[in-house]
Amino acid sequence: MGNRLFQEARKAVHLAKNAEPAEQNAAISTAKNALSSAYANTTITEKEQLRAFQDELNSIESK
């Protein structure tokens, strides 16, 4: 998929998942912003994937 905002959101979630504990809150915040930006400009299929990325972030935050 060629949507730049979608790709940035996917990358931000990946970075948040793999961030060091001291950096994880900032990485999660960045990922949430990226997801929000991407959501308004995506296809239905991409929206479903963005929701899955949001679920991943939620699971990181609950740890």
PDB file of N, CA and C in Angstrom:
ATOM      1  N   MET A   1       0.839  -1.174   0.000  1.00  0.00           N
ATOM      2  CA  MET A   1       0.000   0.000   0.000  1.00  0.00           C
ATOM      3  C   MET A   1       0.884   1.237   0.000  1.00  0.00           C
ATOM      4  N   GLY A   2       0.545   2.179  -0.827  1.00  0.00           N
ATOM      5  CA  GLY A   2       1.404   3.320  -1.013  1.00  0.00           C
ATOM      6  C   GLY A   2       1.077   4.538  -0.177  1.00  0.00           C
ATOM      7  N   ASN A   3       0.146   4.431   0.741  1.00  0.00           N
ATOM      8  CA  ASN A   3      -0.231   5.581   1.555  1.00  0.00           C
ATOM      9  C   ASN A   3       0.888   5.900   2.543  1.00  0.00           C
ATOM     10  N   ARG A   4       1.485   7.080   2.392  1.00  0.00           N
ATOM     11  CA  ARG A   4       2.627   7.468   3.225  1.00  0.00           C
ATOM     12  C   ARG A   4       2.249   7.548   4.704  1.00  0.00           C
ATOM     13  N   LEU A   5       1.094   8.137   5.005  1.00  0.00           N
ATOM     14  CA  LEU A   5       0.682   8.256   6.409  1.00  0.00           C
ATOM     15  C   LEU A   5       0.444   6.885   7.032  1.00  0.00           C
ATOM     16  N   PHE A   6      -0.121   5.977   6.256  1.00  0.00           N
ATOM     17  CA  PHE A   6      -0.325   4.613   6.740  1.00  0.00           C
ATOM     18  C   PHE A   6       1.021   3.954   7.039  1.00  0.00           C
ATOM     19  N   GLN A   7       1.956   4.113   6.135  1.00  0.00           N
ATOM     20  CA  GLN A   7       3.278   3.510   6.333  1.00  0.00           C
ATOM     21  C   GLN A   7       3.979   4.092   7.555  1.00  0.00           C
ATOM     22  N   GLU A   8       3.835   5.405   7.760  1.00  0.00           N
ATOM     23  CA  GLU A   8       4.440   6.037   8.932  1.00  0.00           C
ATOM     24  C   GLU A   8       3.798   5.525  10.220  1.00  0.00           C
ATOM     25  N   ALA A   9       2.494   5.330  10.206  1.00  0.00           N
ATOM     26  CA  ALA A   9       1.798   4.812  11.385  1.00  0.00           C
ATOM     27  C   ALA A   9       2.273   3.392  11.702  1.00  0.00           C
ATOM     28  N   ARG A  10       2.381   2.568  10.673  1.00  0.00           N
ATOM     29  CA  ARG A  10       2.845   1.189  10.876  1.00  0.00           C
ATOM     30  C   ARG A  10       4.254   1.188  11.472  1.00  0.00           C
ATOM     31  N   LYS A  11       5.114   2.041  10.955  1.00  0.00           N
ATOM     32  CA  LYS A  11       6.488   2.130  11.457  1.00  0.00           C
ATOM     33  C   LYS A  11       6.509   2.629  12.903  1.00  0.00           C
ATOM     34  N   ALA A  12       5.681   3.622  13.215  1.00  0.00           N
ATOM     35  CA  ALA A  12       5.649   4.178  14.567  1.00  0.00           C
ATOM     36  C   ALA A  12       5.178   3.137  15.580  1.00  0.00           C
ATOM     37  N   VAL A  13       4.194   2.342  15.208  1.00  0.00           N
ATOM     38  CA  VAL A  13       3.715   1.280  16.111  1.00  0.00           C
ATOM     39  C   VAL A  13       4.822   0.250  16.320  1.00  0.00           C
ATOM     40  N   HIS A  14       5.504  -0.112  15.258  1.00  0.00           N
ATOM     41  CA  HIS A  14       6.610  -1.066  15.369  1.00  0.00           C
ATOM     42  C   HIS A  14       7.691  -0.522  16.316  1.00  0.00           C
ATOM     43  N   LEU A  15       8.029   0.758  16.165  1.00  0.00           N
ATOM     44  CA  LEU A  15       9.037   1.358  17.032  1.00  0.00           C
ATOM     45  C   LEU A  15       8.576   1.388  18.485  1.00  0.00           C
ATOM     46  N   ALA A  16       7.296   1.665  18.704  1.00  0.00           N
ATOM     47  CA  ALA A  16       6.758   1.699  20.068  1.00  0.00           C
ATOM     48  C   ALA A  16       6.822   0.313  20.703  1.00  0.00           C
ATOM     49  N   LYS A  17       6.528  -0.705  19.925  1.00  0.00           N
ATOM     50  CA  LYS A  17       6.567  -2.074  20.449  1.00  0.00           C
ATOM     51  C   LYS A  17       7.974  -2.478  20.847  1.00  0.00           C
ATOM     52  N   ASN A  18       8.971  -1.940  20.173  1.00  0.00           N
ATOM     53  CA  ASN A  18      10.343  -2.351  20.400  1.00  0.00           C
ATOM     54  C   ASN A  18      11.171  -1.321  21.163  1.00  0.00           C
ATOM     55  N   ALA A  19      10.513  -0.282  21.661  1.00  0.00           N
ATOM     56  CA  ALA A  19      11.224   0.780  22.370  1.00  0.00           C
ATOM     57  C   ALA A  19      11.700   0.314  23.742  1.00  0.00           C
ATOM     58  N   GLU A  20      12.775   0.913  24.192  1.00  0.00           N
ATOM     59  CA  GLU A  20      13.258   0.676  25.548  1.00  0.00           C
ATOM     60  C   GLU A  20      12.218   1.228  26.521  1.00  0.00           C
ATOM     61  N   PRO A  21      12.111   0.628  27.699  1.00  0.00           N
ATOM     62  CA  PRO A  21      11.091   1.088  28.665  1.00  0.00           C
ATOM     63  C   PRO A  21      11.122   2.595  28.933  1.00  0.00           C
ATOM     64  N   ALA A  22      12.294   3.178  29.016  1.00  0.00           N
ATOM     65  CA  ALA A  22      12.403   4.608  29.302  1.00  0.00           C
ATOM     66  C   ALA A  22      11.876   5.470  28.153  1.00  0.00           C
ATOM     67  N   GLU A  23      11.852   4.920  26.960  1.00  0.00           N
ATOM     68  CA  GLU A  23      11.422   5.673  25.783  1.00  0.00           C
ATOM     69  C   GLU A  23      10.028   5.282  25.298  1.00  0.00           C
ATOM     70  N   GLN A  24       9.433   4.285  25.938  1.00  0.00           N
ATOM     71  CA  GLN A  24       8.200   3.723  25.401  1.00  0.00           C
ATOM     72  C   GLN A  24       7.012   4.688  25.453  1.00  0.00           C
ATOM     73  N   ASN A  25       6.871   5.466  26.518  1.00  0.00           N
ATOM     74  CA  ASN A  25       5.738   6.392  26.580  1.00  0.00           C
ATOM     75  C   ASN A  25       5.771   7.394  25.438  1.00  0.00           C
ATOM     76  N   ALA A  26       6.934   7.937  25.164  1.00  0.00           N
ATOM     77  CA  ALA A  26       7.059   8.896  24.054  1.00  0.00           C
ATOM     78  C   ALA A  26       6.784   8.204  22.722  1.00  0.00           C
ATOM     79  N   ALA A  27       7.268   6.984  22.573  1.00  0.00           N
ATOM     80  CA  ALA A  27       7.057   6.249  21.328  1.00  0.00           C
ATOM     81  C   ALA A  27       5.578   5.922  21.126  1.00  0.00           C
ATOM     82  N   ILE A  28       4.887   5.586  22.197  1.00  0.00           N
ATOM     83  CA  ILE A  28       3.446   5.306  22.112  1.00  0.00           C
ATOM     84  C   ILE A  28       2.694   6.567  21.720  1.00  0.00           C
ATOM     85  N   SER A  29       3.053   7.685  22.312  1.00  0.00           N
ATOM     86  CA  SER A  29       2.411   8.957  21.965  1.00  0.00           C
ATOM     87  C   SER A  29       2.613   9.297  20.492  1.00  0.00           C
ATOM     88  N   THR A  30       3.822   9.105  20.011  1.00  0.00           N
ATOM     89  CA  THR A  30       4.121   9.355  18.598  1.00  0.00           C
ATOM     90  C   THR A  30       3.296   8.428  17.707  1.00  0.00           C
ATOM     91  N   ALA A  31       3.201   7.172  18.097  1.00  0.00           N
ATOM     92  CA  ALA A  31       2.442   6.200  17.313  1.00  0.00           C
ATOM     93  C   ALA A  31       0.959   6.557  17.288  1.00  0.00           C
ATOM     94  N   LYS A  32       0.421   6.991  18.420  1.00  0.00           N
ATOM     95  CA  LYS A  32      -0.990   7.389  18.457  1.00  0.00           C
ATOM     96  C   LYS A  32      -1.255   8.563  17.520  1.00  0.00           C
ATOM     97  N   ASN A  33      -0.366   9.532  17.522  1.00  0.00           N
ATOM     98  CA  ASN A  33      -0.513  10.669  16.615  1.00  0.00           C
ATOM     99  C   ASN A  33      -0.454  10.227  15.159  1.00  0.00           C
ATOM    100  N   ALA A  34       0.452   9.325  14.874  1.00  0.00           N
ATOM    101  CA  ALA A  34       0.580   8.827  13.504  1.00  0.00           C
ATOM    102  C   ALA A  34      -0.674   8.060  13.077  1.00  0.00           C
ATOM    103  N   LEU A  35      -1.216   7.255  13.982  1.00  0.00           N
ATOM    104  CA  LEU A  35      -2.441   6.518  13.679  1.00  0.00           C
ATOM    105  C   LEU A  35      -3.595   7.472  13.417  1.00  0.00           C
ATOM    106  N   SER A  36      -3.704   8.495  14.238  1.00  0.00           N
ATOM    107  CA  SER A  36      -4.773   9.469  14.076  1.00  0.00           C
ATOM    108  C   SER A  36      -4.666  10.187  12.733  1.00  0.00           C
ATOM    109  N   SER A  37      -3.474  10.593  12.372  1.00  0.00           N
ATOM    110  CA  SER A  37      -3.267  11.270  11.097  1.00  0.00           C
ATOM    111  C   SER A  37      -3.587  10.357   9.927  1.00  0.00           C
ATOM    112  N   ALA A  38      -3.192   9.120  10.029  1.00  0.00           N
ATOM    113  CA  ALA A  38      -3.386   8.183   8.928  1.00  0.00           C
ATOM    114  C   ALA A  38      -4.851   7.801   8.758  1.00  0.00           C
ATOM    115  N   TYR A  39      -5.582   7.719   9.855  1.00  0.00           N
ATOM    116  CA  TYR A  39      -6.941   7.186   9.808  1.00  0.00           C
ATOM    117  C   TYR A  39      -7.847   7.970   8.857  1.00  0.00           C
ATOM    118  N   ALA A  40      -7.722   9.268   8.853  1.00  0.00           N
ATOM    119  CA  ALA A  40      -8.598  10.104   8.033  1.00  0.00           C
ATOM    120  C   ALA A  40      -8.318   9.974   6.538  1.00  0.00           C
ATOM    121  N   ASN A  41      -7.185   9.441   6.198  1.00  0.00           N
ATOM    122  CA  ASN A  41      -6.764   9.414   4.796  1.00  0.00           C
ATOM    123  C   ASN A  41      -6.495   8.007   4.282  1.00  0.00           C
ATOM    124  N   THR A  42      -7.283   7.037   4.746  1.00  0.00           N
ATOM    125  CA  THR A  42      -7.011   5.661   4.352  1.00  0.00           C
ATOM    126  C   THR A  42      -8.243   4.987   3.762  1.00  0.00           C
ATOM    127  N   THR A  43      -7.999   3.866   3.124  1.00  0.00           N
ATOM    128  CA  THR A  43      -9.077   3.034   2.594  1.00  0.00           C
ATOM    129  C   THR A  43      -9.684   2.216   3.732  1.00  0.00           C
ATOM    130  N   ILE A  44     -10.774   1.561   3.450  1.00  0.00           N
ATOM    131  CA  ILE A  44     -11.430   0.721   4.463  1.00  0.00           C
ATOM    132  C   ILE A  44     -10.486  -0.380   4.936  1.00  0.00           C
ATOM    133  N   THR A  45      -9.785  -0.990   4.010  1.00  0.00           N
ATOM    134  CA  THR A  45      -8.843  -2.057   4.365  1.00  0.00           C
ATOM    135  C   THR A  45      -7.731  -1.534   5.265  1.00  0.00           C
ATOM    136  N   GLU A  46      -7.203  -0.370   4.924  1.00  0.00           N
ATOM    137  CA  GLU A  46      -6.150   0.225   5.752  1.00  0.00           C
ATOM    138  C   GLU A  46      -6.693   0.600   7.127  1.00  0.00           C
ATOM    139  N   LYS A  47      -7.934   1.076   7.191  1.00  0.00           N
ATOM    140  CA  LYS A  47      -8.542   1.413   8.479  1.00  0.00           C
ATOM    141  C   LYS A  47      -8.596   0.187   9.391  1.00  0.00           C
ATOM    142  N   GLU A  48      -8.933  -0.960   8.831  1.00  0.00           N
ATOM    143  CA  GLU A  48      -8.968  -2.199   9.615  1.00  0.00           C
ATOM    144  C   GLU A  48      -7.577  -2.508  10.172  1.00  0.00           C
ATOM    145  N   GLN A  49      -6.563  -2.312   9.363  1.00  0.00           N
ATOM    146  CA  GLN A  49      -5.200  -2.564   9.823  1.00  0.00           C
ATOM    147  C   GLN A  49      -4.783  -1.546  10.877  1.00  0.00           C
ATOM    148  N   LEU A  50      -5.210  -0.292  10.703  1.00  0.00           N
ATOM    149  CA  LEU A  50      -4.898   0.730  11.699  1.00  0.00           C
ATOM    150  C   LEU A  50      -5.557   0.404  13.035  1.00  0.00           C
ATOM    151  N   ARG A  51      -6.768  -0.144  12.994  1.00  0.00           N
ATOM    152  CA  ARG A  51      -7.422  -0.558  14.243  1.00  0.00           C
ATOM    153  C   ARG A  51      -6.618  -1.664  14.923  1.00  0.00           C
ATOM    154  N   ALA A  52      -6.079  -2.574  14.141  1.00  0.00           N
ATOM    155  CA  ALA A  52      -5.234  -3.630  14.704  1.00  0.00           C
ATOM    156  C   ALA A  52      -3.971  -3.036  15.323  1.00  0.00           C
ATOM    157  N   PHE A  53      -3.388  -2.039  14.671  1.00  0.00           N
ATOM    158  CA  PHE A  53      -2.215  -1.362  15.230  1.00  0.00           C
ATOM    159  C   PHE A  53      -2.580  -0.684  16.547  1.00  0.00           C
ATOM    160  N   GLN A  54      -3.777  -0.062  16.594  1.00  0.00           N
ATOM    161  CA  GLN A  54      -4.231   0.582  17.833  1.00  0.00           C
ATOM    162  C   GLN A  54      -4.387  -0.447  18.941  1.00  0.00           C
ATOM    163  N   ASP A  55      -4.899  -1.616  18.607  1.00  0.00           N
ATOM    164  CA  ASP A  55      -5.024  -2.687  19.599  1.00  0.00           C
ATOM    165  C   ASP A  55      -3.653  -3.095  20.131  1.00  0.00           C
ATOM    166  N   GLU A  56      -2.671  -3.141  19.250  1.00  0.00           N
ATOM    167  CA  GLU A  56      -1.294  -3.459  19.679  1.00  0.00           C
ATOM    168  C   GLU A  56      -0.790  -2.406  20.659  1.00  0.00           C
ATOM    169  N   LEU A  57      -1.034  -1.134  20.362  1.00  0.00           N
ATOM    170  CA  LEU A  57      -0.609  -0.069  21.261  1.00  0.00           C
ATOM    171  C   LEU A  57      -1.312  -0.185  22.614  1.00  0.00           C
ATOM    172  N   ASN A  58      -2.601  -0.485  22.569  1.00  0.00           N
ATOM    173  CA  ASN A  58      -3.350  -0.629  23.814  1.00  0.00           C
ATOM    174  C   ASN A  58      -2.783  -1.747  24.678  1.00  0.00           C
ATOM    175  N   SER A  59      -2.348  -2.827  24.047  1.00  0.00           N
ATOM    176  CA  SER A  59      -1.782  -3.934  24.810  1.00  0.00           C
ATOM    177  C   SER A  59      -0.434  -3.553  25.410  1.00  0.00           C
ATOM    178  N   ILE A  60       0.334  -2.724  24.712  1.00  0.00           N
ATOM    179  CA  ILE A  60       1.613  -2.253  25.247  1.00  0.00           C
ATOM    180  C   ILE A  60       1.364  -1.366  26.459  1.00  0.00           C
ATOM    181  N   GLU A  61       0.390  -0.466  26.346  1.00  0.00           N
ATOM    182  CA  GLU A  61       0.095   0.474  27.432  1.00  0.00           C
ATOM    183  C   GLU A  61      -0.404  -0.232  28.677  1.00  0.00           C
ATOM    184  N   SER A  62      -1.116  -1.332  28.504  1.00  0.00           N
ATOM    185  CA  SER A  62      -1.687  -2.010  29.664  1.00  0.00           C
ATOM    186  C   SER A  62      -0.673  -2.849  30.432  1.00  0.00           C
ATOM    187  N   LYS A  63       0.530  -2.949  29.922  1.00  0.00           N
ATOM    188  CA  LYS A  63       1.578  -3.722  30.610  1.00  0.00           C
ATOM    189  C   LYS A  63       2.194  -2.919  31.724  1.00  0.00           C
TER     190      LYS A  63
END
